[in-house]
Amino acid sequence: MGPVEAFTTAWRKSFTYGGKATRAEYWWFYLTNWVALLILMVIPAITNSSVPGGLVFVYLIAQVFPSLSITFRRLRDIGKNWTWIFINLIPFIGGFWFIYLLCQPTGHYAYAFK
């Protein structure tokens, strides 16, 4: 799966928390998401306008849904429950542990989520 396909798939499945997301799909989405955000942040600086700055805010709010959805599906793909997202709340080590989990290869589809 390429970057554009991963990005569009994540947006299309914004409210689909079932299923799986491959490692490539997850990381390509996050790379293209950051590139899109960077482009949206550069536009106001180039044009000296605050109007596109509002666009950055709208995009930041809107991208929460596909980001959560693809993260839940990625955790399911490695055989973890969605509640593992809260590992980020552990100070210092939680974020690193979460990234480690997201980098794992596809596991067994161990949970029967509904």
Protein backbone atom coordinates (compact mmCIF):
# COMPACT_ATOMS: atom_id res chain seq x y z
CA MET A 1 0.00 0.00 0.00
CA GLY A 2 1.39 3.37 -1.01
CA PRO A 3 1.18 6.68 0.84
CA VAL A 4 -1.75 8.16 -1.08
CA GLU A 5 -3.79 4.96 -0.85
CA ALA A 6 -3.08 4.67 2.90
CA PHE A 7 -4.07 8.29 3.47
CA THR A 8 -7.33 8.03 1.55
CA THR A 9 -8.17 4.67 3.10
CA ALA A 10 -7.69 6.04 6.61
CA TRP A 11 -9.96 9.00 5.87
CA ARG A 12 -12.54 6.75 4.24
CA LYS A 13 -12.54 4.44 7.29
CA SER A 14 -12.58 7.29 9.81
CA PHE A 15 -15.46 5.80 11.76
CA THR A 16 -14.65 2.14 11.14
CA TYR A 17 -13.08 0.75 14.27
CA GLY A 18 -13.40 -2.88 13.23
CA GLY A 19 -10.94 -4.72 11.04
CA LYS A 20 -7.19 -4.37 10.82
CA ALA A 21 -4.62 -1.88 9.58
CA THR A 22 -1.26 -3.14 8.37
CA ARG A 23 2.01 -1.67 9.52
CA ALA A 24 2.57 -0.04 6.12
CA GLU A 25 -0.93 1.45 6.07
CA TYR A 26 -0.48 2.93 9.55
CA TRP A 27 2.94 4.49 9.01
CA TRP A 28 2.19 5.75 5.50
CA PHE A 29 -0.92 7.45 6.88
CA TYR A 30 1.02 9.16 9.63
CA LEU A 31 3.76 10.32 7.26
CA THR A 32 1.30 11.79 4.76
CA ASN A 33 -0.75 13.26 7.61
CA TRP A 34 2.30 15.15 8.90
CA VAL A 35 3.22 16.30 5.39
CA ALA A 36 -0.34 17.59 4.84
CA LEU A 37 -0.23 19.39 8.18
CA LEU A 38 3.15 20.91 7.36
CA ILE A 39 1.84 22.17 4.02
CA LEU A 40 -1.21 23.68 5.72
CA MET A 41 1.04 25.41 8.26
CA VAL A 42 3.37 26.83 5.59
CA ILE A 43 0.54 28.36 3.52
CA PRO A 44 -0.30 31.11 6.08
CA ALA A 45 3.39 31.95 6.47
CA ILE A 46 3.82 32.38 2.72
CA THR A 47 0.62 34.34 2.14
CA ASN A 48 0.83 36.50 5.31
CA SER A 49 -2.78 35.70 6.00
CA SER A 50 -4.50 34.32 9.07
CA VAL A 51 -7.42 32.84 7.10
CA PRO A 52 -5.55 29.63 6.17
CA GLY A 53 -4.50 29.40 9.84
CA GLY A 54 -8.10 28.49 10.61
CA LEU A 55 -7.78 25.73 8.07
CA VAL A 56 -4.96 24.23 10.15
CA PHE A 57 -7.20 24.21 13.22
CA VAL A 58 -10.07 22.56 11.32
CA TYR A 59 -7.68 19.94 9.91
CA LEU A 60 -6.23 19.21 13.36
CA ILE A 61 -9.70 18.62 14.76
CA ALA A 62 -10.86 16.56 11.77
CA GLN A 63 -7.79 14.29 11.68
CA VAL A 64 -8.50 13.04 15.20
CA PHE A 65 -11.11 10.61 13.87
CA PRO A 66 -9.02 8.81 11.24
CA SER A 67 -6.01 8.82 13.58
CA LEU A 68 -7.91 7.09 16.38
CA SER A 69 -9.56 4.68 13.99
CA ILE A 70 -6.33 3.60 12.31
CA THR A 71 -4.59 3.28 15.69
CA PHE A 72 -7.35 1.03 17.02
CA ARG A 73 -7.21 -1.08 13.86
CA ARG A 74 -3.39 -1.27 14.06
CA LEU A 75 -3.55 -2.47 17.66
CA ARG A 76 -6.08 -5.09 16.62
CA ASP A 77 -3.75 -6.19 13.80
CA ILE A 78 -0.96 -6.96 16.28
CA GLY A 79 -3.38 -8.87 18.49
CA LYS A 80 -3.88 -6.25 21.21
CA ASN A 81 -7.06 -4.78 22.60
CA TRP A 82 -7.87 -1.12 21.86
CA THR A 83 -7.33 -0.24 25.54
CA TRP A 84 -3.58 -0.48 24.95
CA ILE A 85 -3.83 3.06 23.62
CA PHE A 86 -3.79 4.20 27.25
CA ILE A 87 -0.20 2.96 27.66
CA ASN A 88 0.70 6.48 26.49
CA LEU A 89 -0.41 7.80 29.88
CA ILE A 90 2.50 6.13 31.67
CA PRO A 91 5.14 8.83 32.20
CA PHE A 92 8.46 8.56 30.33
CA ILE A 93 8.21 4.99 29.05
CA GLY A 94 4.56 4.86 27.87
CA GLY A 95 5.05 6.68 24.57
CA PHE A 96 8.09 4.62 23.64
CA TRP A 97 6.27 1.40 24.54
CA PHE A 98 3.32 2.44 22.40
CA ILE A 99 5.55 3.16 19.38
CA TYR A 100 7.21 -0.22 19.95
CA LEU A 101 3.79 -1.88 19.85
CA LEU A 102 2.81 -0.09 16.66
CA CYS A 103 6.04 -1.23 14.98
CA GLN A 104 5.30 -4.90 15.63
CA PRO A 105 4.50 -7.20 12.69
CA THR A 106 1.02 -8.48 12.12
CA GLY A 107 0.00 -10.84 14.90
CA HIS A 108 -2.81 -13.24 15.38
CA TYR A 109 -6.30 -11.84 15.16
CA ALA A 110 -6.79 -13.02 18.72
CA TYR A 111 -9.73 -10.91 19.82
CA ALA A 112 -13.26 -11.26 18.53
CA PHE A 113 -14.24 -7.60 18.49
CA LYS A 114 -17.73 -6.55 17.60
